[in-house]
Amino acid sequence: MQVLVIEDNVGVCSMLEMFFGKEDFNGVFLHDGLEGYKHFIDNEYDMVILDWMLPSMDGITVCRKIREVDKNVPIIMLTAKDTESDQVLGLEMGADDYVTKPFSPLALTARMKAIVRRQSKEKNHLEDAIETSIIKINKETREVFISDKLISNLTPKEFDLLSFFAQHPKQVFSRDQILERVWGFQFYGDDRTVDVHIKRLRRKIGRDNQPFFHTVWGVGYKYDETVVINEN
């Protein structure tokens, strides 16, 4: 697997290079945001590992610009920022996942391999379309229509999460189950990432009286199009 790592900490790059060698990942390591982005444009990569704080061009900008030209390449952000607002910003710009520094290289490589497994399963999945009375999801083109209106502002992970829930209507999943089924790994850190994604999907596809995603207190979340909240 070809991996582009844009990280200005030489020590972190050396550590990752060592672990990549053990996992048969072919890593290219660059230390400047603008240089990394230009290198991505000129080459093909299966994954991008991207630091938040970079010279010339910060990681959030690099992430956004990569998403403008490639909607599907997995992006994992490395960041010392761990507040919810920072996480939301990274996810909004199109990151699939984030790893908070300091981090374990074993945990990072486990997430990378899980993403590869998930992509392989998606490619082999026979069902390319999901359709209900309200929503239409084309998994091949990664398009979502709500009441025949195209929803064009979903991030890759939001699309994956919506597709998963739409295939399991009314079924309740815990945060751990969601992380395992959608992210494809046992999460090594804060499970608030699920809450952030659910919150964003409610805002993007839901209505005031019909949020689609419902909190089941003490358990997790479910997707149910039939529940309409009484506004009175």
Protein backbone atom coordinates (compact mmCIF):
# COMPACT_ATOMS: atom_id res chain seq x y z
CA MET A 1 0.00 0.00 0.00
CA GLN A 2 1.31 3.42 -1.00
CA VAL A 3 1.06 5.86 1.91
CA LEU A 4 1.85 9.57 1.83
CA VAL A 5 2.87 10.92 5.24
CA ILE A 6 2.96 14.72 5.61
CA GLU A 7 4.48 15.35 9.03
CA ASP A 8 7.11 17.93 9.99
CA ASN A 9 8.39 16.01 13.03
CA VAL A 10 11.33 13.99 11.75
CA GLY A 11 11.27 11.73 14.82
CA VAL A 12 7.64 10.78 14.22
CA CYS A 13 8.43 10.06 10.56
CA SER A 14 11.37 7.83 11.50
CA MET A 15 9.20 5.90 13.94
CA LEU A 16 6.44 5.42 11.37
CA GLU A 17 8.91 4.41 8.68
CA MET A 18 10.16 1.63 10.95
CA PHE A 19 6.67 0.32 11.67
CA PHE A 20 5.59 0.67 8.04
CA GLY A 21 8.45 -1.59 7.04
CA LYS A 22 7.11 -4.30 9.34
CA GLU A 23 3.62 -3.99 7.86
CA ASP A 24 4.71 -3.85 4.20
CA PHE A 25 3.45 -0.28 3.79
CA ASN A 26 5.42 1.80 1.30
CA GLY A 27 5.63 5.26 2.87
CA VAL A 28 6.72 8.55 1.35
CA PHE A 29 7.55 11.12 4.04
CA LEU A 30 7.36 14.88 3.45
CA HIS A 31 7.65 17.66 6.03
CA ASP A 32 5.95 20.63 4.36
CA GLY A 33 2.23 21.06 3.77
CA LEU A 34 2.38 22.70 0.35
CA GLU A 35 5.05 20.30 -0.86
CA GLY A 36 2.99 17.36 0.37
CA TYR A 37 -0.13 18.55 -1.39
CA LYS A 38 1.71 19.07 -4.69
CA HIS A 39 3.26 15.62 -4.33
CA PHE A 40 -0.18 14.09 -3.83
CA ILE A 41 -1.47 15.77 -6.99
CA ASP A 42 1.42 14.38 -9.05
CA ASN A 43 1.30 10.81 -7.70
CA GLU A 44 -1.14 8.08 -6.70
CA TYR A 45 -1.57 7.04 -3.07
CA ASP A 46 -3.81 4.61 -1.25
CA MET A 47 -3.82 6.60 2.00
CA VAL A 48 -2.68 9.92 3.46
CA ILE A 49 -1.39 10.44 7.01
CA LEU A 50 -1.55 14.17 7.66
CA ASP A 51 -0.30 16.30 10.54
CA TRP A 52 -2.47 19.22 11.64
CA MET A 53 0.34 21.77 12.16
CA LEU A 54 2.59 22.08 9.11
CA PRO A 55 4.78 24.77 7.54
CA SER A 56 3.68 26.53 4.31
CA MET A 57 0.18 25.04 4.39
CA ASP A 58 -1.58 23.69 7.50
CA GLY A 59 -3.02 20.19 7.57
CA ILE A 60 -6.66 21.32 7.56
CA THR A 61 -6.09 23.23 4.31
CA VAL A 62 -4.18 20.31 2.80
CA CYS A 63 -7.04 17.97 3.75
CA ARG A 64 -9.65 20.25 2.19
CA LYS A 65 -7.66 20.66 -1.04
CA ILE A 66 -7.06 16.90 -1.32
CA ARG A 67 -10.80 16.31 -0.95
CA GLU A 68 -11.44 18.73 -3.82
CA VAL A 69 -9.56 16.42 -6.18
CA ASP A 70 -10.08 13.01 -4.55
CA LYS A 71 -13.25 12.16 -2.60
CA ASN A 72 -12.27 8.64 -1.61
CA VAL A 73 -8.61 8.40 -0.57
CA PRO A 74 -8.55 7.70 3.20
CA ILE A 75 -7.09 10.56 5.27
CA ILE A 76 -6.00 10.12 8.88
CA MET A 77 -5.05 13.31 10.70
CA LEU A 78 -2.40 13.44 13.42
CA THR A 79 -3.16 16.18 15.90
CA ALA A 80 -2.36 17.44 19.36
CA LYS A 81 -5.77 19.13 19.37
CA ASP A 82 -8.37 17.04 21.17
CA THR A 83 -11.37 19.32 21.69
CA GLU A 84 -14.66 18.49 20.00
CA SER A 85 -14.57 21.68 17.91
CA ASP A 86 -11.15 20.72 16.52
CA GLN A 87 -12.37 17.22 15.75
CA VAL A 88 -15.44 18.60 13.98
CA LEU A 89 -13.27 20.91 11.89
CA GLY A 90 -11.02 18.05 10.77
CA LEU A 91 -13.99 15.84 9.90
CA GLU A 92 -15.69 18.72 8.09
CA MET A 93 -12.67 19.15 5.86
CA GLY A 94 -12.92 15.49 4.88
CA ALA A 95 -10.68 13.52 7.25
CA ASP A 96 -11.81 9.91 7.80
CA ASP A 97 -10.24 9.64 11.22
CA TYR A 98 -7.93 11.44 13.62
CA VAL A 99 -5.24 10.24 16.00
CA THR A 100 -4.34 12.40 18.98
CA LYS A 101 -0.68 12.91 19.80
CA PRO A 102 1.15 11.31 21.47
CA PHE A 103 0.01 8.10 19.82
CA SER A 104 0.99 4.47 19.55
CA PRO A 105 2.30 3.52 16.10
CA LEU A 106 0.75 0.10 16.64
CA ALA A 107 -2.66 1.72 17.09
CA LEU A 108 -2.18 3.84 13.98
CA THR A 109 -1.12 0.90 11.79
CA ALA A 110 -4.07 -1.10 13.17
CA ARG A 111 -6.43 1.64 12.02
CA MET A 112 -4.75 1.80 8.63
CA LYS A 113 -5.15 -1.94 8.11
CA ALA A 114 -8.76 -1.75 9.24
CA ILE A 115 -9.48 0.92 6.62
CA VAL A 116 -7.94 -1.32 3.96
CA ARG A 117 -10.13 -4.24 5.10
CA ARG A 118 -13.24 -2.07 5.06
CA GLN A 119 -12.50 -0.80 1.55
CA SER A 120 -11.96 -4.36 0.35
CA LYS A 121 -15.32 -5.41 1.78
CA GLU A 122 -17.03 -2.45 0.14
CA LYS A 123 -15.58 -3.31 -3.25
CA ASN A 124 -16.79 -6.89 -2.93
CA HIS A 125 -20.25 -5.96 -1.66
CA LEU A 126 -22.89 -6.91 -4.19
CA GLU A 127 -25.44 -4.31 -3.11
CA ASP A 128 -24.58 -1.04 -4.81
CA ALA A 129 -27.83 0.75 -4.03
CA ILE A 130 -29.91 1.28 -0.89
CA GLU A 131 -33.40 2.66 -1.29
CA THR A 132 -36.19 3.41 1.16
CA SER A 133 -39.32 5.53 0.89
CA ILE A 134 -37.25 8.65 1.63
CA ILE A 135 -33.58 7.96 0.94
CA LYS A 136 -31.64 6.66 -2.04
CA ILE A 137 -27.96 5.76 -1.69
CA ASN A 138 -25.76 4.78 -4.62
CA LYS A 139 -22.69 3.12 -3.12
CA GLU A 140 -20.86 2.98 -6.44
CA THR A 141 -21.14 6.70 -7.18
CA ARG A 142 -21.36 7.58 -3.46
CA GLU A 143 -24.40 9.78 -4.02
CA VAL A 144 -27.21 10.33 -1.53
CA PHE A 145 -30.69 11.60 -2.35
CA ILE A 146 -33.23 12.60 0.31
CA SER A 147 -36.73 12.89 -1.17
CA ASP A 148 -35.03 13.01 -4.60
CA LYS A 149 -32.80 15.94 -3.57
CA LEU A 150 -29.05 15.36 -3.91
CA ILE A 151 -27.12 15.76 -0.65
CA SER A 152 -23.69 16.78 -1.88
CA ASN A 153 -21.92 17.89 1.31
CA LEU A 154 -21.37 14.56 3.08
CA THR A 155 -17.82 13.62 4.03
CA PRO A 156 -16.62 10.09 3.15
CA LYS A 157 -17.09 8.86 6.71
CA GLU A 158 -20.56 10.44 6.98
CA PHE A 159 -21.52 8.60 3.79
CA ASP A 160 -20.25 5.30 5.20
CA LEU A 161 -22.11 5.84 8.47
CA LEU A 162 -25.37 6.72 6.74
CA SER A 163 -25.08 3.72 4.40
CA PHE A 164 -24.53 1.39 7.34
CA PHE A 165 -27.53 2.64 9.30
CA ALA A 166 -29.80 2.76 6.25
CA GLN A 167 -29.09 -0.94 5.74
CA HIS A 168 -30.10 -1.66 9.36
CA PRO A 169 -33.23 0.45 9.98
CA LYS A 170 -34.57 0.57 13.56
CA GLN A 171 -31.69 -1.57 14.82
CA VAL A 172 -29.91 -0.13 17.85
CA PHE A 173 -26.10 -0.04 17.87
CA SER A 174 -23.74 0.93 20.67
CA ARG A 175 -20.88 3.33 19.98
CA ASP A 176 -18.40 0.45 20.11
CA GLN A 177 -20.43 -1.52 17.58
CA ILE A 178 -20.63 1.49 15.28
CA LEU A 179 -16.87 2.04 15.48
CA GLU A 180 -16.24 -1.62 14.73
CA ARG A 181 -18.70 -1.86 11.84
CA VAL A 182 -18.09 1.52 10.17
CA TRP A 183 -14.54 2.46 11.17
CA GLY A 184 -13.49 -1.19 11.13
CA PHE A 185 -11.43 -1.31 14.30
CA GLN A 186 -11.65 -1.38 18.06
CA PHE A 187 -11.30 2.31 18.85
CA TYR A 188 -8.22 3.35 20.83
CA GLY A 189 -9.44 6.58 22.30
CA ASP A 190 -12.43 8.90 22.60
CA ASP A 191 -15.66 7.46 21.21
CA ARG A 192 -17.09 10.98 20.89
CA THR A 193 -16.21 10.74 17.20
CA VAL A 194 -19.46 8.76 16.76
CA ASP A 195 -21.47 11.51 18.49
CA VAL A 196 -19.85 14.15 16.28
CA HIS A 197 -20.70 12.29 13.08
CA ILE A 198 -24.29 11.57 14.16
CA LYS A 199 -24.79 15.23 15.09
CA ARG A 200 -23.54 16.36 11.70
CA LEU A 201 -25.70 13.86 9.81
CA ARG A 202 -28.80 15.02 11.71
CA ARG A 203 -28.06 18.56 10.62
CA LYS A 204 -27.31 17.66 7.00
CA ILE A 205 -30.08 15.18 6.18
CA GLY A 206 -32.65 15.49 8.96
CA ARG A 207 -35.61 17.77 9.49
CA ASP A 208 -36.67 19.59 12.65
CA ASN A 209 -39.37 17.03 13.40
CA GLN A 210 -37.73 14.05 11.69
CA PRO A 211 -34.03 13.68 12.57
CA PHE A 212 -33.73 10.08 11.21
CA PHE A 213 -30.97 9.33 13.76
CA HIS A 214 -32.30 8.74 17.26
CA THR A 215 -30.50 8.43 20.56
CA VAL A 216 -31.36 5.36 22.61
CA TRP A 217 -30.30 6.47 26.07
CA GLY A 218 -27.83 4.20 27.78
CA VAL A 219 -27.34 2.11 24.63
CA GLY A 220 -26.45 4.04 21.48
CA TYR A 221 -28.18 5.09 18.27
CA LYS A 222 -30.70 3.84 15.73
CA TYR A 223 -31.87 5.01 12.28
CA ASP A 224 -35.62 5.26 11.90
CA GLU A 225 -37.42 7.23 9.17
CA THR A 226 -40.87 6.49 10.60
CA VAL A 227 -40.47 8.48 13.83
CA VAL A 228 -41.83 12.01 13.63
CA ILE A 229 -41.42 14.23 16.68
CA ASN A 230 -44.57 16.04 17.78
CA GLU A 231 -43.86 19.76 17.58
CA ASN A 232 -46.73 20.72 19.91
